[in-house]
């Protein structure tokens, strides 16, 4: 696979690194995600499947995890394979910088050519990050 589609987003959240780490790395608590209807675990805790409200299904494998530092996943579905990477940087006591990286490769060579015009991965990536921001805001608002 040659060309990939990539998205990289950097955000600073008004919460400690533990809160944001737990939110992102625990797929069993997905209620904060506006796009998901179900998460199912396979084989062991390293594999899980996300079922989306639009009918899409993505399979994930946890590749690497270093608490409060980084989290890396492999992702695949019927149209693409890829990787998700998260880097965590505590800033003082109540702020955390997170770098979100997503790279996907279309499986079909013909679709690979058109993918950059048909798939807006940046938009999907932003939806995920915005869901996190909403969750952090709601947590801070209702737990003061």
N, C-alpha and C. Protein backbone atom coordinates (compact mmCIF):
# COMPACT_ATOMS: atom_id res chain seq x y z
N UNK A 1 0.85 -1.16 0.00
CA UNK A 1 0.00 0.00 0.00
C UNK A 1 0.90 1.24 0.00
N UNK A 2 0.63 2.12 -0.91
CA UNK A 2 1.52 3.26 -1.05
C UNK A 2 0.99 4.52 -0.38
N UNK A 3 -0.05 5.09 -0.91
CA UNK A 3 -0.55 6.36 -0.42
C UNK A 3 -1.54 6.16 0.72
N UNK A 4 -1.40 6.99 1.71
CA UNK A 4 -2.35 6.95 2.81
C UNK A 4 -3.05 8.30 2.91
N UNK A 5 -4.16 8.29 3.59
CA UNK A 5 -4.83 9.52 3.95
C UNK A 5 -4.52 9.73 5.43
N UNK A 6 -4.19 10.96 5.77
CA UNK A 6 -3.78 11.21 7.15
C UNK A 6 -4.46 12.44 7.72
N UNK A 7 -4.61 12.41 9.02
CA UNK A 7 -5.16 13.54 9.76
C UNK A 7 -4.40 13.63 11.08
N UNK A 8 -4.02 14.85 11.43
CA UNK A 8 -3.33 15.08 12.69
C UNK A 8 -3.97 16.29 13.36
N UNK A 9 -4.38 16.11 14.61
CA UNK A 9 -5.03 17.17 15.37
C UNK A 9 -4.35 17.26 16.73
N UNK A 10 -4.08 18.48 17.15
CA UNK A 10 -3.50 18.72 18.47
C UNK A 10 -4.50 19.58 19.25
N UNK A 11 -4.85 19.15 20.47
CA UNK A 11 -5.79 19.90 21.31
C UNK A 11 -5.31 19.92 22.75
N UNK A 12 -5.63 21.01 23.41
CA UNK A 12 -5.37 21.11 24.84
C UNK A 12 -6.72 21.08 25.55
N UNK A 13 -6.85 20.16 26.48
CA UNK A 13 -8.10 19.97 27.22
C UNK A 13 -7.93 20.48 28.65
N UNK A 14 -9.00 21.04 29.19
CA UNK A 14 -9.00 21.56 30.56
C UNK A 14 -9.32 20.45 31.56
N UNK A 15 -8.44 19.48 31.64
CA UNK A 15 -8.59 18.39 32.60
C UNK A 15 -7.24 17.73 32.80
N UNK A 16 -7.15 16.95 33.86
CA UNK A 16 -5.87 16.27 34.10
C UNK A 16 -5.69 15.10 33.14
N UNK A 17 -4.47 14.63 33.04
CA UNK A 17 -4.14 13.58 32.08
C UNK A 17 -4.86 12.27 32.41
N UNK A 18 -5.11 12.00 33.69
CA UNK A 18 -5.81 10.77 34.07
C UNK A 18 -7.22 10.73 33.48
N UNK A 19 -7.94 11.84 33.58
CA UNK A 19 -9.32 11.88 33.05
C UNK A 19 -9.32 11.63 31.54
N UNK A 20 -8.49 12.32 30.81
CA UNK A 20 -8.49 12.20 29.35
C UNK A 20 -7.97 10.83 28.92
N UNK A 21 -6.99 10.30 29.64
CA UNK A 21 -6.46 8.96 29.35
C UNK A 21 -7.56 7.91 29.52
N UNK A 22 -8.26 7.96 30.65
CA UNK A 22 -9.32 6.99 30.93
C UNK A 22 -10.44 7.08 29.88
N UNK A 23 -10.77 8.29 29.49
CA UNK A 23 -11.83 8.49 28.51
C UNK A 23 -11.47 7.85 27.17
N UNK A 24 -10.26 8.11 26.69
CA UNK A 24 -9.85 7.65 25.36
C UNK A 24 -9.50 6.16 25.33
N UNK A 25 -8.90 5.65 26.37
CA UNK A 25 -8.37 4.29 26.33
C UNK A 25 -9.30 3.21 26.87
N UNK A 26 -10.50 3.58 27.29
CA UNK A 26 -11.45 2.59 27.78
C UNK A 26 -12.63 2.47 26.82
N UNK A 27 -12.54 1.58 25.83
CA UNK A 27 -13.61 1.47 24.84
C UNK A 27 -14.93 0.94 25.40
N UNK A 28 -14.92 0.39 26.62
CA UNK A 28 -16.18 -0.12 27.17
C UNK A 28 -17.12 1.02 27.59
N UNK A 29 -16.58 2.22 27.76
CA UNK A 29 -17.40 3.40 28.08
C UNK A 29 -17.41 4.31 26.86
N UNK A 30 -18.35 4.08 25.99
CA UNK A 30 -18.41 4.81 24.72
C UNK A 30 -19.61 5.74 24.63
N UNK A 31 -20.35 5.90 25.72
CA UNK A 31 -21.57 6.70 25.68
C UNK A 31 -21.32 8.16 25.30
N UNK A 32 -20.12 8.64 25.45
CA UNK A 32 -19.76 10.01 25.09
C UNK A 32 -19.59 10.20 23.58
N UNK A 33 -19.51 9.10 22.85
CA UNK A 33 -19.31 9.15 21.40
C UNK A 33 -20.66 9.30 20.69
N UNK A 34 -20.83 10.33 19.92
CA UNK A 34 -22.09 10.59 19.23
C UNK A 34 -22.30 9.69 18.03
N UNK A 35 -21.24 9.05 17.54
CA UNK A 35 -21.33 8.25 16.33
C UNK A 35 -21.49 6.75 16.57
N UNK A 36 -21.33 6.29 17.81
CA UNK A 36 -21.34 4.85 18.10
C UNK A 36 -22.67 4.36 18.64
N UNK A 37 -22.98 3.11 18.28
CA UNK A 37 -24.16 2.47 18.86
C UNK A 37 -23.77 1.31 19.78
N UNK A 38 -22.57 0.73 19.58
CA UNK A 38 -22.15 -0.43 20.37
C UNK A 38 -20.65 -0.65 20.24
N UNK A 39 -20.04 -1.16 21.30
CA UNK A 39 -18.65 -1.64 21.26
C UNK A 39 -18.67 -3.06 21.81
N UNK A 40 -18.03 -3.95 21.07
CA UNK A 40 -18.00 -5.37 21.45
C UNK A 40 -16.54 -5.81 21.53
N UNK A 41 -16.22 -6.62 22.54
CA UNK A 41 -14.85 -7.08 22.72
C UNK A 41 -14.68 -8.47 22.14
N UNK A 42 -13.52 -8.69 21.51
CA UNK A 42 -13.18 -9.98 20.91
C UNK A 42 -12.03 -10.61 21.68
N UNK A 43 -11.93 -11.91 21.59
CA UNK A 43 -10.81 -12.71 22.10
C UNK A 43 -10.31 -12.29 23.48
N UNK A 44 -9.68 -11.14 23.54
CA UNK A 44 -9.20 -10.61 24.83
C UNK A 44 -9.31 -9.10 24.79
N UNK A 45 -8.81 -8.45 25.77
CA UNK A 45 -9.00 -7.00 25.85
C UNK A 45 -8.19 -6.21 24.81
N UNK A 46 -7.39 -6.88 24.00
CA UNK A 46 -6.62 -6.18 22.97
C UNK A 46 -7.41 -5.96 21.68
N UNK A 47 -8.55 -6.61 21.55
CA UNK A 47 -9.36 -6.50 20.33
C UNK A 47 -10.77 -6.03 20.67
N UNK A 48 -11.25 -5.07 19.88
CA UNK A 48 -12.64 -4.65 20.05
C UNK A 48 -13.20 -4.18 18.71
N UNK A 49 -14.52 -4.16 18.63
CA UNK A 49 -15.22 -3.77 17.42
C UNK A 49 -16.16 -2.62 17.76
N UNK A 50 -16.11 -1.57 16.94
CA UNK A 50 -17.02 -0.45 17.10
C UNK A 50 -18.10 -0.52 16.02
N UNK A 51 -19.34 -0.43 16.45
CA UNK A 51 -20.49 -0.41 15.55
C UNK A 51 -21.03 1.01 15.51
N UNK A 52 -21.11 1.56 14.33
CA UNK A 52 -21.51 2.95 14.17
C UNK A 52 -22.99 3.07 13.83
N UNK A 53 -23.56 4.21 14.17
CA UNK A 53 -24.97 4.47 13.91
C UNK A 53 -25.29 4.46 12.42
N UNK A 54 -24.29 4.76 11.58
CA UNK A 54 -24.52 4.77 10.13
C UNK A 54 -24.35 3.39 9.49
N UNK A 55 -24.10 2.35 10.31
CA UNK A 55 -23.97 0.99 9.80
C UNK A 55 -22.55 0.51 9.60
N UNK A 56 -21.57 1.39 9.66
CA UNK A 56 -20.17 0.99 9.50
C UNK A 56 -19.69 0.22 10.72
N UNK A 57 -18.69 -0.62 10.48
CA UNK A 57 -18.08 -1.43 11.54
C UNK A 57 -16.57 -1.33 11.40
N UNK A 58 -15.88 -1.00 12.48
CA UNK A 58 -14.42 -0.97 12.50
C UNK A 58 -13.91 -1.92 13.57
N UNK A 59 -12.86 -2.67 13.21
CA UNK A 59 -12.19 -3.55 14.17
C UNK A 59 -10.89 -2.90 14.61
N UNK A 60 -10.57 -3.03 15.90
CA UNK A 60 -9.38 -2.42 16.45
C UNK A 60 -8.54 -3.46 17.18
N UNK A 61 -7.24 -3.25 17.13
CA UNK A 61 -6.30 -4.04 17.92
C UNK A 61 -5.40 -3.03 18.64
N UNK A 62 -5.28 -3.18 19.96
CA UNK A 62 -4.39 -2.31 20.72
C UNK A 62 -2.97 -2.79 20.48
N UNK A 63 -2.15 -1.91 19.91
CA UNK A 63 -0.77 -2.27 19.58
C UNK A 63 0.21 -1.93 20.70
N UNK A 64 0.00 -0.79 21.33
CA UNK A 64 0.95 -0.32 22.31
C UNK A 64 0.28 0.68 23.24
N UNK A 65 0.64 0.62 24.49
CA UNK A 65 0.02 1.48 25.48
C UNK A 65 1.04 1.78 26.57
N UNK A 66 1.30 3.05 26.82
CA UNK A 66 2.16 3.46 27.94
C UNK A 66 1.37 4.51 28.71
N UNK A 67 0.92 4.14 29.89
CA UNK A 67 -0.03 4.94 30.67
C UNK A 67 0.37 6.42 30.74
N UNK A 68 -0.59 7.25 30.35
CA UNK A 68 -0.48 8.71 30.36
C UNK A 68 0.53 9.25 29.34
N UNK A 69 1.05 8.39 28.45
CA UNK A 69 2.03 8.85 27.46
C UNK A 69 1.55 8.62 26.02
N UNK A 70 1.27 7.37 25.67
CA UNK A 70 0.80 7.11 24.31
C UNK A 70 -0.08 5.88 24.25
N UNK A 71 -0.88 5.84 23.18
CA UNK A 71 -1.84 4.76 22.93
C UNK A 71 -1.89 4.58 21.42
N UNK A 72 -1.63 3.34 20.95
CA UNK A 72 -1.58 3.07 19.51
C UNK A 72 -2.50 1.91 19.16
N UNK A 73 -3.27 2.10 18.10
CA UNK A 73 -4.24 1.10 17.65
C UNK A 73 -4.08 0.82 16.16
N UNK A 74 -4.33 -0.42 15.77
CA UNK A 74 -4.52 -0.77 14.36
C UNK A 74 -6.02 -0.78 14.13
N UNK A 75 -6.43 -0.33 12.95
CA UNK A 75 -7.85 -0.27 12.62
C UNK A 75 -8.05 -0.90 11.25
N UNK A 76 -9.18 -1.62 11.11
CA UNK A 76 -9.50 -2.17 9.79
C UNK A 76 -11.01 -2.30 9.65
N UNK A 77 -11.45 -2.21 8.42
CA UNK A 77 -12.82 -2.53 8.07
C UNK A 77 -12.81 -3.05 6.64
N UNK A 78 -13.96 -3.18 6.02
CA UNK A 78 -14.00 -3.79 4.69
C UNK A 78 -13.38 -2.91 3.61
N UNK A 79 -13.21 -1.61 3.89
CA UNK A 79 -12.69 -0.70 2.87
C UNK A 79 -11.25 -0.25 3.09
N UNK A 80 -10.78 -0.28 4.34
CA UNK A 80 -9.44 0.25 4.61
C UNK A 80 -8.78 -0.42 5.81
N UNK A 81 -7.48 -0.16 5.95
CA UNK A 81 -6.72 -0.50 7.14
C UNK A 81 -6.00 0.78 7.58
N UNK A 82 -5.53 0.81 8.81
CA UNK A 82 -4.83 2.01 9.24
C UNK A 82 -4.35 1.95 10.67
N UNK A 83 -3.95 3.11 11.15
CA UNK A 83 -3.45 3.24 12.52
C UNK A 83 -3.98 4.51 13.15
N UNK A 84 -4.21 4.43 14.44
CA UNK A 84 -4.56 5.59 15.25
C UNK A 84 -3.49 5.70 16.33
N UNK A 85 -3.02 6.90 16.55
CA UNK A 85 -2.03 7.13 17.59
C UNK A 85 -2.41 8.35 18.41
N UNK A 86 -2.24 8.24 19.71
CA UNK A 86 -2.56 9.31 20.64
C UNK A 86 -1.32 9.54 21.51
N UNK A 87 -0.92 10.79 21.63
CA UNK A 87 0.18 11.16 22.52
C UNK A 87 -0.37 12.13 23.57
N UNK A 88 -0.02 11.90 24.82
CA UNK A 88 -0.55 12.67 25.95
C UNK A 88 0.58 13.46 26.61
N UNK A 89 0.31 14.75 26.85
CA UNK A 89 1.28 15.62 27.49
C UNK A 89 0.60 16.43 28.59
N UNK A 90 0.83 16.07 29.86
CA UNK A 90 0.25 16.87 30.95
C UNK A 90 0.87 18.27 30.93
N UNK A 91 0.01 19.26 31.14
CA UNK A 91 0.47 20.65 31.23
C UNK A 91 -0.01 21.15 32.58
N UNK A 92 0.88 21.18 33.51
CA UNK A 92 0.48 21.57 34.86
C UNK A 92 -0.44 20.52 35.47
N UNK A 93 -1.32 21.00 36.37
CA UNK A 93 -2.17 20.06 37.11
C UNK A 93 -3.47 19.74 36.39
N UNK A 94 -4.06 20.70 35.67
CA UNK A 94 -5.39 20.50 35.12
C UNK A 94 -5.52 20.78 33.62
N UNK A 95 -4.46 20.59 32.88
CA UNK A 95 -4.53 20.72 31.43
C UNK A 95 -3.73 19.57 30.82
N UNK A 96 -4.21 19.10 29.69
CA UNK A 96 -3.53 18.01 28.99
C UNK A 96 -3.55 18.27 27.50
N UNK A 97 -2.40 18.19 26.89
CA UNK A 97 -2.30 18.30 25.44
C UNK A 97 -2.34 16.88 24.86
N UNK A 98 -3.17 16.69 23.85
CA UNK A 98 -3.25 15.38 23.19
C UNK A 98 -3.04 15.59 21.70
N UNK A 99 -2.18 14.78 21.13
CA UNK A 99 -1.97 14.78 19.68
C UNK A 99 -2.62 13.52 19.14
N UNK A 100 -3.57 13.71 18.22
CA UNK A 100 -4.33 12.62 17.60
C UNK A 100 -3.82 12.45 16.17
N UNK A 101 -3.37 11.26 15.82
CA UNK A 101 -2.91 10.99 14.45
C UNK A 101 -3.70 9.80 13.89
N UNK A 102 -4.17 9.95 12.68
CA UNK A 102 -4.92 8.89 12.02
C UNK A 102 -4.38 8.73 10.61
N UNK A 103 -4.05 7.50 10.24
CA UNK A 103 -3.60 7.18 8.88
C UNK A 103 -4.40 5.99 8.39
N UNK A 104 -4.99 6.13 7.22
CA UNK A 104 -5.72 5.01 6.65
C UNK A 104 -5.30 4.78 5.20
N UNK A 105 -5.37 3.52 4.81
CA UNK A 105 -5.00 3.07 3.47
C UNK A 105 -6.19 2.33 2.88
N UNK A 106 -6.71 2.81 1.77
CA UNK A 106 -7.81 2.10 1.09
C UNK A 106 -7.28 0.77 0.58
N UNK A 107 -8.04 -0.29 0.75
CA UNK A 107 -7.62 -1.63 0.31
C UNK A 107 -7.66 -1.78 -1.20
N UNK A 108 -8.69 -1.25 -1.82
CA UNK A 108 -8.88 -1.37 -3.26
C UNK A 108 -8.05 -0.30 -3.98
N UNK A 109 -7.14 -0.68 -4.92
CA UNK A 109 -6.30 0.31 -5.60
C UNK A 109 -7.09 1.39 -6.35
N UNK A 110 -8.21 1.02 -6.91
CA UNK A 110 -9.03 2.00 -7.63
C UNK A 110 -9.66 2.97 -6.63
N UNK A 111 -10.19 2.42 -5.54
CA UNK A 111 -10.79 3.27 -4.51
C UNK A 111 -9.72 4.13 -3.83
N UNK A 112 -8.49 3.62 -3.77
CA UNK A 112 -7.40 4.38 -3.16
C UNK A 112 -7.21 5.70 -3.91
N UNK A 113 -7.33 5.64 -5.24
CA UNK A 113 -7.17 6.84 -6.05
C UNK A 113 -8.26 7.87 -5.75
N UNK A 114 -9.49 7.41 -5.58
CA UNK A 114 -10.62 8.31 -5.38
C UNK A 114 -10.89 8.64 -3.91
N UNK A 115 -10.24 7.91 -3.01
CA UNK A 115 -10.54 8.03 -1.58
C UNK A 115 -10.39 9.46 -1.08
N UNK A 116 -9.37 10.16 -1.53
CA UNK A 116 -9.15 11.50 -1.02
C UNK A 116 -10.28 12.46 -1.38
N UNK A 117 -11.06 12.09 -2.41
CA UNK A 117 -12.21 12.91 -2.80
C UNK A 117 -13.51 12.44 -2.16
N UNK A 118 -13.55 11.17 -1.78
CA UNK A 118 -14.79 10.58 -1.27
C UNK A 118 -14.86 10.50 0.26
N UNK A 119 -13.71 10.38 0.91
CA UNK A 119 -13.68 10.23 2.36
C UNK A 119 -13.10 11.48 2.99
N UNK A 120 -13.80 12.06 3.91
CA UNK A 120 -13.30 13.23 4.63
C UNK A 120 -12.87 12.76 6.02
N UNK A 121 -11.66 12.18 6.11
CA UNK A 121 -11.23 11.64 7.40
C UNK A 121 -10.97 12.74 8.41
N UNK A 122 -10.59 13.92 7.95
CA UNK A 122 -10.38 15.04 8.87
C UNK A 122 -11.70 15.38 9.57
N UNK A 123 -12.80 15.38 8.83
CA UNK A 123 -14.11 15.69 9.41
C UNK A 123 -14.48 14.64 10.47
N UNK A 124 -14.27 13.36 10.17
CA UNK A 124 -14.56 12.30 11.13
C UNK A 124 -13.66 12.40 12.36
N UNK A 125 -12.42 12.73 12.10
CA UNK A 125 -11.44 12.88 13.18
C UNK A 125 -11.84 14.04 14.10
N UNK A 126 -12.28 15.15 13.50
CA UNK A 126 -12.72 16.31 14.27
C UNK A 126 -13.97 16.01 15.09
N UNK A 127 -14.87 15.19 14.55
CA UNK A 127 -16.06 14.81 15.28
C UNK A 127 -15.67 14.07 16.57
N UNK A 128 -14.71 13.17 16.46
CA UNK A 128 -14.21 12.42 17.62
C UNK A 128 -13.62 13.38 18.67
N UNK A 129 -12.76 14.29 18.24
CA UNK A 129 -12.12 15.24 19.15
C UNK A 129 -13.17 16.17 19.77
N UNK A 130 -14.14 16.60 18.98
CA UNK A 130 -15.20 17.45 19.51
C UNK A 130 -16.05 16.73 20.55
N UNK A 131 -16.27 15.43 20.36
CA UNK A 131 -16.98 14.63 21.37
C UNK A 131 -16.20 14.61 22.68
N UNK A 132 -14.89 14.54 22.60
CA UNK A 132 -14.05 14.58 23.80
C UNK A 132 -14.18 15.93 24.48
N UNK A 133 -14.09 17.01 23.69
CA UNK A 133 -14.22 18.36 24.26
C UNK A 133 -15.56 18.53 24.97
N UNK A 134 -16.64 18.05 24.35
CA UNK A 134 -17.96 18.14 24.98
C UNK A 134 -18.01 17.37 26.28
N UNK A 135 -17.40 16.20 26.30
CA UNK A 135 -17.39 15.36 27.50
C UNK A 135 -16.61 16.03 28.63
N UNK A 136 -15.45 16.59 28.30
CA UNK A 136 -14.65 17.30 29.29
C UNK A 136 -15.43 18.50 29.83
N UNK A 137 -16.05 19.26 28.94
CA UNK A 137 -16.85 20.42 29.37
C UNK A 137 -17.99 19.99 30.29
N UNK A 138 -18.72 18.96 29.89
CA UNK A 138 -19.85 18.47 30.71
C UNK A 138 -19.39 17.94 32.06
N UNK A 139 -18.27 17.25 32.07
CA UNK A 139 -17.72 16.73 33.33
C UNK A 139 -17.39 17.89 34.27
N UNK A 140 -16.69 18.89 33.74
CA UNK A 140 -16.30 20.03 34.57
C UNK A 140 -17.52 20.82 35.04
N UNK A 141 -18.51 20.95 34.19
CA UNK A 141 -19.71 21.73 34.52
C UNK A 141 -20.53 21.07 35.61
N UNK A 142 -20.67 19.76 35.53
CA UNK A 142 -21.56 19.05 36.47
C UNK A 142 -20.84 18.43 37.65
N UNK A 143 -19.53 18.54 37.72
CA UNK A 143 -18.78 17.97 38.84
C UNK A 143 -17.94 19.02 39.55
N UNK A 144 -18.42 20.21 39.61
CA UNK A 144 -17.68 21.28 40.29
C UNK A 144 -17.99 21.27 41.76
